[in-house]
Each structure stands twice: as C-alpha cells, then as structure tokens.
C-alpha cells in the first residue's frame, strides 16, 4: 500500500486532518519516524517537559509561509526549526523543546511533505531541540498555498546571562557573524526563476552553538544579540539604536557581502542591508571583550567570516550612521515595509 491512505493516495486528503484513522496513520507512519521517534510513540496534544535546569524560562512562537517551500540551501522545514531556535538563542536561552504544527492544503504531494519532515528532523537534531508536541490541519484546495508551519519553542536562559537593549552603552562593539543577504536572494531567485552566474544559497541554520561560543568567550561583557531576519541588518540595527537610545556608527566596508549576493542586489535594485538572513548573528559586546568575541565567532563553522562592523558612538539619538565606502555618511533607517514578502 503506497502513501498513508487506504486508497493508495500519494497526496494529502482532507481526512488526514480530521482527527480519525487517516490522521493517526499520517502521524505514526510519516511524522514520528521523521522526527526521531517510532511508529509506536505518541505525539500528544501537550508535552510534559520534566525538570528544567536553573535559570529563566524563554518562550517564542512563529509561523512560516515562505514561497517557494524549497529553495537553494534550505526549505520551509529547516527554516521553521532554525527560526524558532534562533529566537530563543539570541536572548541567551538554550532550546529545550519545540512544538510543530502543519496547515496542509488538500492535494499537497505526500513526497514533498516527507521531504519537509526529513528536513525538520535533521535540523531539530542539529539544534539539539526535540519536537515534543504538534498538530496537523488540512484545508481545502487553495486555502494554504501548499503548506504553512507554526512552531513554538521553550528554552532556559542560564543563570548569569543577561541580554537586553538596556545594557548597550557608548563604546560597545558591534559584531556580525558573516555575509548578509544570502537567504533573501536565494528565495527570490527560486521564486522568480532567476539564474545567477553563481548559485546563491540560503544561510538558514540554527545558531545555538554560535551563541554559546560568544557567551563563553565574552561572559557578562555580551550585552545584546539578535538574528537579522526580515528587514535585514538595517532593521536590526535601527531597532537596536531606537530601543537602546544610542547612536551607532557602522562601516560599510567592513560589512561582508558575498560577490553573488552583491551582484544580484545590483541587478535587482536591492540594498543588501535590507535583505533577509536566517543564519546570521549580530552581537554587541563591551569594547574590551570585542576581540575575544570575534575570535569565538570565527572559530565556529557558522562564523568564519565574522567582522567587527561598528560601535556604539553615543548616547541618545536613536539613529544608525553608515560610513560609506566612498567616504560619505548616510542614515540607516527602519524599512517602511517588507521589500521581499513571503521570505520566511
């Protein structure tokens, strides 16, 4: 018998979301094995997490509607796990458990669903964050554009870790873990069928290990962290300046941008600073810890091209000043809207 239905269907049926036998088969035969369980395990409507280590609880939730579902370097499954784990990581939390809910469109190919599930399983294992609960819903044809995913995550911030905009102060260094813009360009190229001379792959990845390395190197001198996703580096820096009520000075020549991304942005009229990322980290540390933090980033596989891109130049103002390659200055502002929709 192929597929999960008695009819040998190779596509998702409305009945797969109906709470009956077909849904149970979908969970036991497809979802649980892909997530590292077995067909006899139970993925319940809620999970008991047991004893958690000392520290503060962190919680996050997000939904993923990226188009297309598969793109160079990643897919919606890897994106959903990484995005949730990363939102925990940048507040200093170590992910302990994830929930995973699918909204599937009737007729969605079962083979594509299996690809997404396999990616979810690999990424959750890579992140050290098990999926412990979830849900499946199926809507009529045309109701979900194939597949949407909602995730939530619980993590624990270890004792002694304190990150927040209120800790940012003049003199602090601003570090970036690597080249920007890869994710946005990769998704856009797949969506529009644009072929570049060099294939640009998404940077989507869980950042927990990278964050742990920076915290181990910088300790209490690490003041703030964020992953620059929608709105890109520009949005992240602008929000930091406003929230911390400081002025940032950033050097354009120090911001790493891959040649393929730069060429694509020039062709499409995009500013790399506002293009989305899904595997990059911005960290603010005190000046005396900047070198140690930079070394820790560069020793990690996700931070080999890390750079010190600027510093907190003053109190108040809430603005970001970019020193351009040409020697001029311009303000980096929060983007008005999303230049590239359906990017995550």
C-alpha atoms as a PDB file:
ATOM      1  CA  UNK A   1       0.000   0.000   0.000  1.00  0.00           C
ATOM      2  CA  UNK A   2       1.547   3.311  -1.064  1.00  0.00           C
ATOM      3  CA  UNK A   3       1.071   6.601   0.771  1.00  0.00           C
ATOM      4  CA  UNK A   4      -0.846   6.672   4.047  1.00  0.00           C
ATOM      5  CA  UNK A   5      -4.404   6.222   2.872  1.00  0.00           C
ATOM      6  CA  UNK A   6      -6.241   3.014   2.180  1.00  0.00           C
ATOM      7  CA  UNK A   7      -6.784   4.205  -1.383  1.00  0.00           C
ATOM      8  CA  UNK A   8      -3.041   4.288  -2.003  1.00  0.00           C
ATOM      9  CA  UNK A   9      -3.258   8.045  -2.431  1.00  0.00           C
ATOM     10  CA  UNK A  10       0.034   9.907  -2.815  1.00  0.00           C
ATOM     11  CA  UNK A  11      -1.443  13.253  -1.810  1.00  0.00           C
ATOM     12  CA  UNK A  12      -2.800  14.817   1.350  1.00  0.00           C
ATOM     13  CA  UNK A  13      -6.543  14.311   1.794  1.00  0.00           C
ATOM     14  CA  UNK A  14      -8.950  16.391   3.861  1.00  0.00           C
ATOM     15  CA  UNK A  15      -9.411  13.294   6.010  1.00  0.00           C
ATOM     16  CA  UNK A  16      -5.730  13.449   7.035  1.00  0.00           C
ATOM     17  CA  UNK A  17      -6.659  16.407   9.230  1.00  0.00           C
ATOM     18  CA  UNK A  18      -9.917  15.027  10.522  1.00  0.00           C
ATOM     19  CA  UNK A  19      -8.706  13.507  13.775  1.00  0.00           C
ATOM     20  CA  UNK A  20      -9.515   9.953  12.724  1.00  0.00           C
ATOM     21  CA  UNK A  21      -7.683   6.875  11.485  1.00  0.00           C
ATOM     22  CA  UNK A  22      -6.028   8.544   8.499  1.00  0.00           C
ATOM     23  CA  UNK A  23      -4.643  11.329  10.685  1.00  0.00           C
ATOM     24  CA  UNK A  24      -3.310   8.799  13.163  1.00  0.00           C
ATOM     25  CA  UNK A  25      -1.626   6.914  10.299  1.00  0.00           C
ATOM     26  CA  UNK A  26      -0.083  10.142   8.992  1.00  0.00           C
ATOM     27  CA  UNK A  27       1.373  10.910  12.411  1.00  0.00           C
ATOM     28  CA  UNK A  28       2.588   7.393  13.193  1.00  0.00           C
ATOM     29  CA  UNK A  29       3.900   6.434   9.745  1.00  0.00           C
ATOM     30  CA  UNK A  30       5.269   9.748   8.479  1.00  0.00           C
ATOM     31  CA  UNK A  31       5.714  12.408  11.161  1.00  0.00           C
ATOM     32  CA  UNK A  32       7.027  10.497  14.176  1.00  0.00           C
ATOM     33  CA  UNK A  33       9.713   8.475  12.320  1.00  0.00           C
ATOM     34  CA  UNK A  34      10.981  11.637  10.625  1.00  0.00           C
ATOM     35  CA  UNK A  35      11.319  13.374  13.996  1.00  0.00           C
ATOM     36  CA  UNK A  36      13.367  10.592  15.520  1.00  0.00           C
ATOM     37  CA  UNK A  37      10.548   8.650  17.160  1.00  0.00           C
ATOM     38  CA  UNK A  38       8.964   5.375  16.155  1.00  0.00           C
ATOM     39  CA  UNK A  39       5.543   4.405  14.910  1.00  0.00           C
ATOM     40  CA  UNK A  40       4.543   3.229  18.385  1.00  0.00           C
ATOM     41  CA  UNK A  41       5.374   6.546  20.058  1.00  0.00           C
ATOM     42  CA  UNK A  42       2.793   9.184  20.878  1.00  0.00           C
ATOM     43  CA  UNK A  43       2.908  12.817  19.787  1.00  0.00           C
ATOM     44  CA  UNK A  44       0.395  14.202  22.240  1.00  0.00           C
ATOM     45  CA  UNK A  45      -1.538  17.462  22.226  1.00  0.00           C
ATOM     46  CA  UNK A  46       0.688  18.667  25.060  1.00  0.00           C
ATOM     47  CA  UNK A  47       4.021  17.563  26.489  1.00  0.00           C
ATOM     48  CA  UNK A  48       5.429  17.243  29.991  1.00  0.00           C
ATOM     49  CA  UNK A  49       8.950  18.673  29.919  1.00  0.00           C
ATOM     50  CA  UNK A  50      10.145  17.300  33.236  1.00  0.00           C
ATOM     51  CA  UNK A  51      12.739  19.047  35.364  1.00  0.00           C
ATOM     52  CA  UNK A  52      14.403  22.027  33.709  1.00  0.00           C
ATOM     53  CA  UNK A  53      17.826  23.375  34.716  1.00  0.00           C
ATOM     54  CA  UNK A  54      18.111  26.539  36.836  1.00  0.00           C
ATOM     55  CA  UNK A  55      17.505  29.792  35.004  1.00  0.00           C
ATOM     56  CA  UNK A  56      14.753  31.860  33.443  1.00  0.00           C
ATOM     57  CA  UNK A  57      12.283  30.331  31.004  1.00  0.00           C
ATOM     58  CA  UNK A  58      12.131  31.753  27.495  1.00  0.00           C
ATOM     59  CA  UNK A  59       9.248  31.166  25.114  1.00  0.00           C
ATOM     60  CA  UNK A  60       8.723  32.053  21.459  1.00  0.00           C
ATOM     61  CA  UNK A  61       6.319  31.301  18.619  1.00  0.00           C
ATOM     62  CA  UNK A  62       6.331  31.976  14.898  1.00  0.00           C
ATOM     63  CA  UNK A  63       4.659  30.967  11.639  1.00  0.00           C
ATOM     64  CA  UNK A  64       6.325  30.188   8.312  1.00  0.00           C
ATOM     65  CA  UNK A  65       4.746  30.856   4.936  1.00  0.00           C
ATOM     66  CA  UNK A  66       7.828  31.035   2.708  1.00  0.00           C
ATOM     67  CA  UNK A  67       7.331  30.780  -1.037  1.00  0.00           C
ATOM     68  CA  UNK A  68       8.615  28.559  -2.584  1.00  0.00           C
ATOM     69  CA  UNK A  69       8.758  25.799   0.014  1.00  0.00           C
ATOM     70  CA  UNK A  70      12.126  24.562  -1.289  1.00  0.00           C
ATOM     71  CA  UNK A  71      14.972  26.912  -2.215  1.00  0.00           C
ATOM     72  CA  UNK A  72      18.763  26.707  -2.628  1.00  0.00           C
ATOM     73  CA  UNK A  73      20.266  25.845   0.740  1.00  0.00           C
ATOM     74  CA  UNK A  74      17.059  25.105   2.593  1.00  0.00           C
ATOM     75  CA  UNK A  75      13.307  24.608   2.805  1.00  0.00           C
ATOM     76  CA  UNK A  76      10.355  25.522   5.000  1.00  0.00           C
ATOM     77  CA  UNK A  77      11.128  22.718   7.468  1.00  0.00           C
ATOM     78  CA  UNK A  78      14.701  23.808   8.160  1.00  0.00           C
ATOM     79  CA  UNK A  79      13.525  27.398   8.257  1.00  0.00           C
ATOM     80  CA  UNK A  80      10.817  26.712  10.855  1.00  0.00           C
ATOM     81  CA  UNK A  81      13.107  24.901  13.272  1.00  0.00           C
ATOM     82  CA  UNK A  82      16.036  27.285  12.823  1.00  0.00           C
ATOM     83  CA  UNK A  83      13.911  30.395  13.150  1.00  0.00           C
ATOM     84  CA  UNK A  84      12.365  29.250  16.415  1.00  0.00           C
ATOM     85  CA  UNK A  85      15.615  28.016  17.934  1.00  0.00           C
ATOM     86  CA  UNK A  86      17.354  31.237  16.920  1.00  0.00           C
ATOM     87  CA  UNK A  87      14.735  33.445  18.542  1.00  0.00           C
ATOM     88  CA  UNK A  88      15.476  31.627  21.785  1.00  0.00           C
ATOM     89  CA  UNK A  89      19.234  31.666  21.301  1.00  0.00           C
ATOM     90  CA  UNK A  90      19.565  35.427  20.875  1.00  0.00           C
ATOM     91  CA  UNK A  91      18.016  36.078  24.284  1.00  0.00           C
ATOM     92  CA  UNK A  92      20.600  33.679  25.707  1.00  0.00           C
ATOM     93  CA  UNK A  93      18.292  30.662  26.005  1.00  0.00           C
ATOM     94  CA  UNK A  94      19.166  27.071  25.217  1.00  0.00           C
ATOM     95  CA  UNK A  95      16.254  25.437  23.409  1.00  0.00           C
ATOM     96  CA  UNK A  96      14.693  22.539  25.318  1.00  0.00           C
ATOM     97  CA  UNK A  97      11.557  21.674  23.368  1.00  0.00           C
ATOM     98  CA  UNK A  98       9.658  22.625  20.229  1.00  0.00           C
ATOM     99  CA  UNK A  99       6.102  22.302  19.041  1.00  0.00           C
ATOM    100  CA  UNK A 100       5.371  21.811  15.352  1.00  0.00           C
ATOM    101  CA  UNK A 101       2.007  22.356  13.665  1.00  0.00           C
ATOM    102  CA  UNK A 102       1.235  21.908   9.985  1.00  0.00           C
ATOM    103  CA  UNK A 103      -1.522  23.506   7.953  1.00  0.00           C
ATOM    104  CA  UNK A 104      -1.652  21.426   4.774  1.00  0.00           C
ATOM    105  CA  UNK A 105      -3.606  22.064   1.603  1.00  0.00           C
ATOM    106  CA  UNK A 106      -5.728  19.244   0.261  1.00  0.00           C
ATOM    107  CA  UNK A 107      -3.857  17.630  -2.631  1.00  0.00           C
ATOM    108  CA  UNK A 108      -0.380  18.520  -1.352  1.00  0.00           C
ATOM    109  CA  UNK A 109       2.063  15.832  -2.579  1.00  0.00           C
ATOM    110  CA  UNK A 110       2.962  13.345   0.119  1.00  0.00           C
ATOM    111  CA  UNK A 111       6.504  13.110  -1.290  1.00  0.00           C
ATOM    112  CA  UNK A 112       7.019  16.844  -0.710  1.00  0.00           C
ATOM    113  CA  UNK A 113       5.641  16.525   2.817  1.00  0.00           C
ATOM    114  CA  UNK A 114       8.133  13.744   3.509  1.00  0.00           C
ATOM    115  CA  UNK A 115      10.973  15.987   2.321  1.00  0.00           C
ATOM    116  CA  UNK A 116       9.880  18.705   4.728  1.00  0.00           C
ATOM    117  CA  UNK A 117       9.546  16.231   7.598  1.00  0.00           C
ATOM    118  CA  UNK A 118      13.015  14.823   6.964  1.00  0.00           C
ATOM    119  CA  UNK A 119      14.441  18.341   6.982  1.00  0.00           C
ATOM    120  CA  UNK A 120      12.650  19.152  10.239  1.00  0.00           C
ATOM    121  CA  UNK A 121      14.067  16.015  11.830  1.00  0.00           C
ATOM    122  CA  UNK A 122      17.647  16.729  10.717  1.00  0.00           C
ATOM    123  CA  UNK A 123      17.533  20.359  11.808  1.00  0.00           C
ATOM    124  CA  UNK A 124      15.973  19.621  15.189  1.00  0.00           C
ATOM    125  CA  UNK A 125      18.722  17.060  15.826  1.00  0.00           C
ATOM    126  CA  UNK A 126      21.369  19.565  14.735  1.00  0.00           C
ATOM    127  CA  UNK A 127      19.894  22.169  17.081  1.00  0.00           C
ATOM    128  CA  UNK A 128      19.528  19.747  19.994  1.00  0.00           C
ATOM    129  CA  UNK A 129      15.871  20.759  20.320  1.00  0.00           C
ATOM    130  CA  UNK A 130      13.372  17.869  20.197  1.00  0.00           C
ATOM    131  CA  UNK A 131       9.884  18.279  18.789  1.00  0.00           C
ATOM    132  CA  UNK A 132       7.646  17.145  21.652  1.00  0.00           C
ATOM    133  CA  UNK A 133       4.145  18.095  20.545  1.00  0.00           C
ATOM    134  CA  UNK A 134       2.289  19.269  17.466  1.00  0.00           C
ATOM    135  CA  UNK A 135      -0.797  19.262  15.315  1.00  0.00           C
ATOM    136  CA  UNK A 136      -1.974  18.692  11.740  1.00  0.00           C
ATOM    137  CA  UNK A 137      -4.781  20.547   9.989  1.00  0.00           C
ATOM    138  CA  UNK A 138      -5.862  20.166   6.366  1.00  0.00           C
ATOM    139  CA  UNK A 139      -7.761  22.876   4.480  1.00  0.00           C
ATOM    140  CA  UNK A 140      -9.486  22.823   1.115  1.00  0.00           C
ATOM    141  CA  UNK A 141      -7.571  23.288  -2.138  1.00  0.00           C
ATOM    142  CA  UNK A 142      -6.406  26.883  -2.470  1.00  0.00           C
ATOM    143  CA  UNK A 143      -6.600  27.518   1.270  1.00  0.00           C
ATOM    144  CA  UNK A 144      -2.931  27.245   2.298  1.00  0.00           C
ATOM    145  CA  UNK A 145      -0.686  27.586  -0.762  1.00  0.00           C
ATOM    146  CA  UNK A 146       0.625  24.079  -0.174  1.00  0.00           C
ATOM    147  CA  UNK A 147       1.944  24.118   3.360  1.00  0.00           C
ATOM    148  CA  UNK A 148       2.240  26.506   6.298  1.00  0.00           C
ATOM    149  CA  UNK A 149       4.069  25.717   9.545  1.00  0.00           C
ATOM    150  CA  UNK A 150       3.624  27.128  13.026  1.00  0.00           C
ATOM    151  CA  UNK A 151       6.237  26.467  15.687  1.00  0.00           C
ATOM    152  CA  UNK A 152       6.778  27.368  19.314  1.00  0.00           C
ATOM    153  CA  UNK A 153       9.815  26.841  21.483  1.00  0.00           C
ATOM    154  CA  UNK A 154      10.733  26.734  25.153  1.00  0.00           C
ATOM    155  CA  UNK A 155      14.253  27.400  26.373  1.00  0.00           C
ATOM    156  CA  UNK A 156      16.164  28.204  29.535  1.00  0.00           C
ATOM    157  CA  UNK A 157      18.421  31.215  30.000  1.00  0.00           C
ATOM    158  CA  UNK A 158      21.306  30.084  32.242  1.00  0.00           C
ATOM    159  CA  UNK A 159      21.875  31.952  35.457  1.00  0.00           C
ATOM    160  CA  UNK A 160      24.197  34.896  34.993  1.00  0.00           C
ATOM    161  CA  UNK A 161      23.232  35.588  31.363  1.00  0.00           C
ATOM    162  CA  UNK A 162      21.600  39.000  30.956  1.00  0.00           C
ATOM    163  CA  UNK A 163      20.997  40.365  27.479  1.00  0.00           C
ATOM    164  CA  UNK A 164      18.953  43.408  26.559  1.00  0.00           C
ATOM    165  CA  UNK A 165      18.962  46.788  24.862  1.00  0.00           C
ATOM    166  CA  UNK A 166      19.138  48.464  28.272  1.00  0.00           C
ATOM    167  CA  UNK A 167      22.681  47.071  28.696  1.00  0.00           C
ATOM    168  CA  UNK A 168      24.038  48.641  25.493  1.00  0.00           C
ATOM    169  CA  UNK A 169      26.260  51.649  26.140  1.00  0.00           C
ATOM    170  CA  UNK A 170      28.649  54.013  24.312  1.00  0.00           C
ATOM    171  CA  UNK A 171      31.920  52.367  23.330  1.00  0.00           C
ATOM    172  CA  UNK A 172      30.397  48.912  22.808  1.00  0.00           C
ATOM    173  CA  UNK A 173      31.471  46.995  19.703  1.00  0.00           C
ATOM    174  CA  UNK A 174      29.046  45.643  17.087  1.00  0.00           C
ATOM    175  CA  UNK A 175      29.931  42.223  15.643  1.00  0.00           C
ATOM    176  CA  UNK A 176      28.366  40.448  12.660  1.00  0.00           C
ATOM    177  CA  UNK A 177      28.846  36.698  12.192  1.00  0.00           C
ATOM    178  CA  UNK A 178      29.122  36.652   8.398  1.00  0.00           C
ATOM    179  CA  UNK A 179      27.914  37.755   4.944  1.00  0.00           C
ATOM    180  CA  UNK A 180      24.412  39.189   4.709  1.00  0.00           C
ATOM    181  CA  UNK A 181      21.590  38.802   2.195  1.00  0.00           C
ATOM    182  CA  UNK A 182      22.024  35.167   1.192  1.00  0.00           C
ATOM    183  CA  UNK A 183      18.626  33.937   2.335  1.00  0.00           C
ATOM    184  CA  UNK A 184      16.581  36.664   0.684  1.00  0.00           C
ATOM    185  CA  UNK A 185      18.404  36.362  -2.631  1.00  0.00           C
ATOM    186  CA  UNK A 186      18.190  32.535  -2.598  1.00  0.00           C
ATOM    187  CA  UNK A 187      14.428  32.571  -2.014  1.00  0.00           C
ATOM    188  CA  UNK A 188      13.838  35.315  -4.566  1.00  0.00           C
ATOM    189  CA  UNK A 189      15.878  33.523  -7.235  1.00  0.00           C
ATOM    190  CA  UNK A 190      13.911  30.300  -6.693  1.00  0.00           C
ATOM    191  CA  UNK A 191      10.575  32.121  -6.660  1.00  0.00           C
ATOM    192  CA  UNK A 192      11.164  34.114  -9.819  1.00  0.00           C
ATOM    193  CA  UNK A 193      13.257  31.535 -11.677  1.00  0.00           C
ATOM    194  CA  UNK A 194      16.246  33.860 -11.859  1.00  0.00           C
ATOM    195  CA  UNK A 195      19.568  32.152 -12.556  1.00  0.00           C
ATOM    196  CA  UNK A 196      22.727  33.915 -11.453  1.00  0.00           C
ATOM    197  CA  UNK A 197      26.249  33.152 -12.589  1.00  0.00           C
ATOM    198  CA  UNK A 198      26.953  31.720  -9.138  1.00  0.00           C
ATOM    199  CA  UNK A 199      24.145  29.993  -7.247  1.00  0.00           C
ATOM    200  CA  UNK A 200      23.337  31.835  -4.035  1.00  0.00           C
ATOM    201  CA  UNK A 201      22.302  29.526  -1.206  1.00  0.00           C
ATOM    202  CA  UNK A 202      20.328  30.453   1.885  1.00  0.00           C
ATOM    203  CA  UNK A 203      22.267  30.753   5.136  1.00  0.00           C
ATOM    204  CA  UNK A 204      19.410  29.187   7.146  1.00  0.00           C
ATOM    205  CA  UNK A 205      20.837  27.408  10.197  1.00  0.00           C
ATOM    206  CA  UNK A 206      20.298  27.032  13.948  1.00  0.00           C
ATOM    207  CA  UNK A 207      22.507  29.480  15.837  1.00  0.00           C
ATOM    208  CA  UNK A 208      22.522  27.925  19.297  1.00  0.00           C
ATOM    209  CA  UNK A 209      26.115  26.722  19.097  1.00  0.00           C
ATOM    210  CA  UNK A 210      27.352  30.056  17.774  1.00  0.00           C
ATOM    211  CA  UNK A 211      25.605  31.973  20.543  1.00  0.00           C
ATOM    212  CA  UNK A 212      27.011  29.617  23.174  1.00  0.00           C
ATOM    213  CA  UNK A 213      30.519  30.228  21.840  1.00  0.00           C
ATOM    214  CA  UNK A 214      30.143  34.006  22.048  1.00  0.00           C
ATOM    215  CA  UNK A 215      28.701  33.868  25.560  1.00  0.00           C
ATOM    216  CA  UNK A 216      31.513  31.571  26.690  1.00  0.00           C
ATOM    217  CA  UNK A 217      34.110  33.984  25.322  1.00  0.00           C
ATOM    218  CA  UNK A 218      32.503  37.256  26.406  1.00  0.00           C
ATOM    219  CA  UNK A 219      30.553  36.361  29.534  1.00  0.00           C
ATOM    220  CA  UNK A 220      28.882  39.340  31.155  1.00  0.00           C
ATOM    221  CA  UNK A 221      30.505  41.610  28.557  1.00  0.00           C
ATOM    222  CA  UNK A 222      27.994  40.374  25.966  1.00  0.00           C
ATOM    223  CA  UNK A 223      25.208  42.949  26.197  1.00  0.00           C
ATOM    224  CA  UNK A 224      22.780  42.206  23.349  1.00  0.00           C
ATOM    225  CA  UNK A 225      22.210  39.818  20.435  1.00  0.00           C
ATOM    226  CA  UNK A 226      19.792  39.470  17.549  1.00  0.00           C
ATOM    227  CA  UNK A 227      19.431  37.477  14.327  1.00  0.00           C
ATOM    228  CA  UNK A 228      18.793  39.905  11.433  1.00  0.00           C
ATOM    229  CA  UNK A 229      15.878  38.242   9.620  1.00  0.00           C
ATOM    230  CA  UNK A 230      13.076  40.208   7.914  1.00  0.00           C
ATOM    231  CA  UNK A 231      14.217  43.752   7.202  1.00  0.00           C
ATOM    232  CA  UNK A 232      17.802  42.548   7.221  1.00  0.00           C
ATOM    233  CA  UNK A 233      20.728  44.122   9.010  1.00  0.00           C
ATOM    234  CA  UNK A 234      19.229  47.582   8.513  1.00  0.00           C
ATOM    235  CA  UNK A 235      16.108  46.779  10.539  1.00  0.00           C
ATOM    236  CA  UNK A 236      18.111  45.075  13.285  1.00  0.00           C
ATOM    237  CA  UNK A 237      20.490  47.983  13.770  1.00  0.00           C
ATOM    238  CA  UNK A 238      17.750  50.611  13.544  1.00  0.00           C
ATOM    239  CA  UNK A 239      15.669  48.794  16.164  1.00  0.00           C
ATOM    240  CA  UNK A 240      18.694  48.455  18.433  1.00  0.00           C
ATOM    241  CA  UNK A 241      19.503  52.163  18.201  1.00  0.00           C
ATOM    242  CA  UNK A 242      15.916  53.103  18.995  1.00  0.00           C
ATOM    243  CA  UNK A 243      15.410  50.591  21.808  1.00  0.00           C
ATOM    244  CA  UNK A 244      18.764  51.335  23.472  1.00  0.00           C
ATOM    245  CA  UNK A 245      18.511  55.091  22.759  1.00  0.00           C
ATOM    246  CA  UNK A 246      22.010  55.216  21.344  1.00  0.00           C
ATOM    247  CA  UNK A 247      23.746  56.215  18.139  1.00  0.00           C
ATOM    248  CA  UNK A 248      25.516  53.510  16.149  1.00  0.00           C
ATOM    249  CA  UNK A 249      28.321  54.104  13.679  1.00  0.00           C
ATOM    250  CA  UNK A 250      28.758  51.308  11.133  1.00  0.00           C
ATOM    251  CA  UNK A 251      31.457  50.972   8.465  1.00  0.00           C
ATOM    252  CA  UNK A 252      30.124  49.794   5.108  1.00  0.00           C
ATOM    253  CA  UNK A 253      33.490  48.404   4.009  1.00  0.00           C
ATOM    254  CA  UNK A 254      33.500  46.012   6.966  1.00  0.00           C
ATOM    255  CA  UNK A 255      30.067  44.509   6.305  1.00  0.00           C
ATOM    256  CA  UNK A 256      30.659  41.203   4.496  1.00  0.00           C
ATOM    257  CA  UNK A 257      28.537  40.598   1.402  1.00  0.00           C
ATOM    258  CA  UNK A 258      29.185  37.653  -0.916  1.00  0.00           C
ATOM    259  CA  UNK A 259      30.020  38.586  -4.503  1.00  0.00           C
ATOM    260  CA  UNK A 260      26.982  36.693  -5.841  1.00  0.00           C
ATOM    261  CA  UNK A 261      24.637  38.481  -3.445  1.00  0.00           C
ATOM    262  CA  UNK A 262      26.122  41.868  -4.262  1.00  0.00           C
ATOM    263  CA  UNK A 263      25.756  41.242  -7.999  1.00  0.00           C
ATOM    264  CA  UNK A 264      22.164  40.042  -7.579  1.00  0.00           C
ATOM    265  CA  UNK A 265      21.243  43.069  -5.486  1.00  0.00           C
ATOM    266  CA  UNK A 266      22.745  45.442  -8.055  1.00  0.00           C
ATOM    267  CA  UNK A 267      20.817  43.682 -10.818  1.00  0.00           C
ATOM    268  CA  UNK A 268      17.521  43.792  -8.907  1.00  0.00           C
ATOM    269  CA  UNK A 269      17.951  47.224  -7.358  1.00  0.00           C
ATOM    270  CA  UNK A 270      18.081  45.931  -3.778  1.00  0.00           C
ATOM    271  CA  UNK A 271      20.122  47.159  -0.825  1.00  0.00           C
ATOM    272  CA  UNK A 272      21.905  44.168   0.798  1.00  0.00           C
ATOM    273  CA  UNK A 273      21.338  45.807   4.178  1.00  0.00           C
ATOM    274  CA  UNK A 274      17.571  45.203   3.979  1.00  0.00           C
ATOM    275  CA  UNK A 275      17.641  41.676   2.505  1.00  0.00           C
ATOM    276  CA  UNK A 276      16.640  38.895   4.915  1.00  0.00           C
ATOM    277  CA  UNK A 277      19.019  36.492   6.639  1.00  0.00           C
ATOM    278  CA  UNK A 278      18.239  33.289   8.532  1.00  0.00           C
ATOM    279  CA  UNK A 279      21.609  32.191   9.852  1.00  0.00           C
ATOM    280  CA  UNK A 280      23.418  35.331  10.967  1.00  0.00           C
ATOM    281  CA  UNK A 281      24.062  36.863  14.360  1.00  0.00           C
ATOM    282  CA  UNK A 282      24.586  40.463  15.438  1.00  0.00           C
ATOM    283  CA  UNK A 283      26.197  40.794  18.874  1.00  0.00           C
ATOM    284  CA  UNK A 284      27.054  43.852  20.946  1.00  0.00           C
ATOM    285  CA  UNK A 285      29.869  43.481  23.447  1.00  0.00           C
ATOM    286  CA  UNK A 286      31.884  45.844  25.582  1.00  0.00           C
ATOM    287  CA  UNK A 287      34.979  47.110  23.760  1.00  0.00           C
ATOM    288  CA  UNK A 288      37.398  45.140  25.928  1.00  0.00           C
ATOM    289  CA  UNK A 289      35.685  41.859  25.013  1.00  0.00           C
ATOM    290  CA  UNK A 290      35.307  42.529  21.282  1.00  0.00           C
ATOM    291  CA  UNK A 291      38.433  40.681  20.205  1.00  0.00           C
ATOM    292  CA  UNK A 292      37.577  37.594  22.249  1.00  0.00           C
ATOM    293  CA  UNK A 293      34.053  37.612  20.865  1.00  0.00           C
ATOM    294  CA  UNK A 294      35.277  37.971  17.298  1.00  0.00           C
ATOM    295  CA  UNK A 295      37.743  35.124  17.740  1.00  0.00           C
ATOM    296  CA  UNK A 296      34.992  32.892  19.136  1.00  0.00           C
ATOM    297  CA  UNK A 297      32.760  33.657  16.149  1.00  0.00           C
ATOM    298  CA  UNK A 298      35.496  32.938  13.632  1.00  0.00           C
ATOM    299  CA  UNK A 299      36.345  29.601  15.223  1.00  0.00           C
ATOM    300  CA  UNK A 300      32.778  28.397  14.758  1.00  0.00           C
ATOM    301  CA  UNK A 301      31.798  26.931  11.377  1.00  0.00           C
ATOM    302  CA  UNK A 302      28.960  29.474  11.031  1.00  0.00           C
ATOM    303  CA  UNK A 303      31.152  32.485  11.803  1.00  0.00           C
ATOM    304  CA  UNK A 304      34.346  32.068   9.782  1.00  0.00           C
ATOM    305  CA  UNK A 305      33.781  35.437   8.044  1.00  0.00           C
ATOM    306  CA  UNK A 306      32.708  37.343  11.150  1.00  0.00           C
ATOM    307  CA  UNK A 307      33.597  41.026  11.338  1.00  0.00           C
ATOM    308  CA  UNK A 308      33.596  43.956  13.728  1.00  0.00           C
ATOM    309  CA  UNK A 309      31.375  46.308  11.744  1.00  0.00           C
ATOM    310  CA  UNK A 310      30.959  49.287  14.058  1.00  0.00           C
ATOM    311  CA  UNK A 311      30.443  50.624  17.538  1.00  0.00           C
ATOM    312  CA  UNK A 312      28.051  52.493  19.776  1.00  0.00           C
ATOM    313  CA  UNK A 313      29.198  56.044  19.171  1.00  0.00           C
ATOM    314  CA  UNK A 314      26.968  57.981  21.534  1.00  0.00           C
ATOM    315  CA  UNK A 315      24.060  58.147  23.908  1.00  0.00           C
ATOM    316  CA  UNK A 316      20.652  59.253  22.678  1.00  0.00           C
ATOM    317  CA  UNK A 317      19.687  59.999  19.110  1.00  0.00           C
ATOM    318  CA  UNK A 318      18.369  56.541  18.271  1.00  0.00           C
ATOM    319  CA  UNK A 319      19.990  56.523  14.856  1.00  0.00           C
ATOM    320  CA  UNK A 320      22.424  54.484  12.770  1.00  0.00           C
ATOM    321  CA  UNK A 321      25.113  56.285  10.760  1.00  0.00           C
ATOM    322  CA  UNK A 322      26.701  54.323   7.919  1.00  0.00           C
ATOM    323  CA  UNK A 323      30.144  55.444   6.762  1.00  0.00           C
ATOM    324  CA  UNK A 324      30.128  54.525   3.087  1.00  0.00           C
ATOM    325  CA  UNK A 325      32.973  53.156   1.010  1.00  0.00           C
ATOM    326  CA  UNK A 326      33.084  56.475  -0.824  1.00  0.00           C
ATOM    327  CA  UNK A 327      33.792  58.340   2.401  1.00  0.00           C
ATOM    328  CA  UNK A 328      30.321  59.789   2.887  1.00  0.00           C
ATOM    329  CA  UNK A 329      27.714  59.200   5.523  1.00  0.00           C
ATOM    330  CA  UNK A 330      24.079  58.197   5.385  1.00  0.00           C
ATOM    331  CA  UNK A 331      21.433  57.208   7.873  1.00  0.00           C
ATOM    332  CA  UNK A 332      20.296  53.596   8.009  1.00  0.00           C
ATOM    333  CA  UNK A 333      16.586  53.600   8.722  1.00  0.00           C
ATOM    334  CA  UNK A 334      13.990  51.001   9.541  1.00  0.00           C
ATOM    335  CA  UNK A 335      12.500  49.774   6.228  1.00  0.00           C
ATOM    336  CA  UNK A 336       8.975  51.052   5.664  1.00  0.00           C
ATOM    337  CA  UNK A 337       7.663  47.611   4.744  1.00  0.00           C
ATOM    338  CA  UNK A 338       8.812  44.213   3.578  1.00  0.00           C
ATOM    339  CA  UNK A 339      10.594  44.536   0.239  1.00  0.00           C
ATOM    340  CA  UNK A 340      10.558  40.772  -0.269  1.00  0.00           C
ATOM    341  CA  UNK A 341       7.322  39.235   1.100  1.00  0.00           C
ATOM    342  CA  UNK A 342       6.877  35.519   1.898  1.00  0.00           C
ATOM    343  CA  UNK A 343      10.582  35.228   2.721  1.00  0.00           C
ATOM    344  CA  UNK A 344      10.105  33.181   5.895  1.00  0.00           C
END
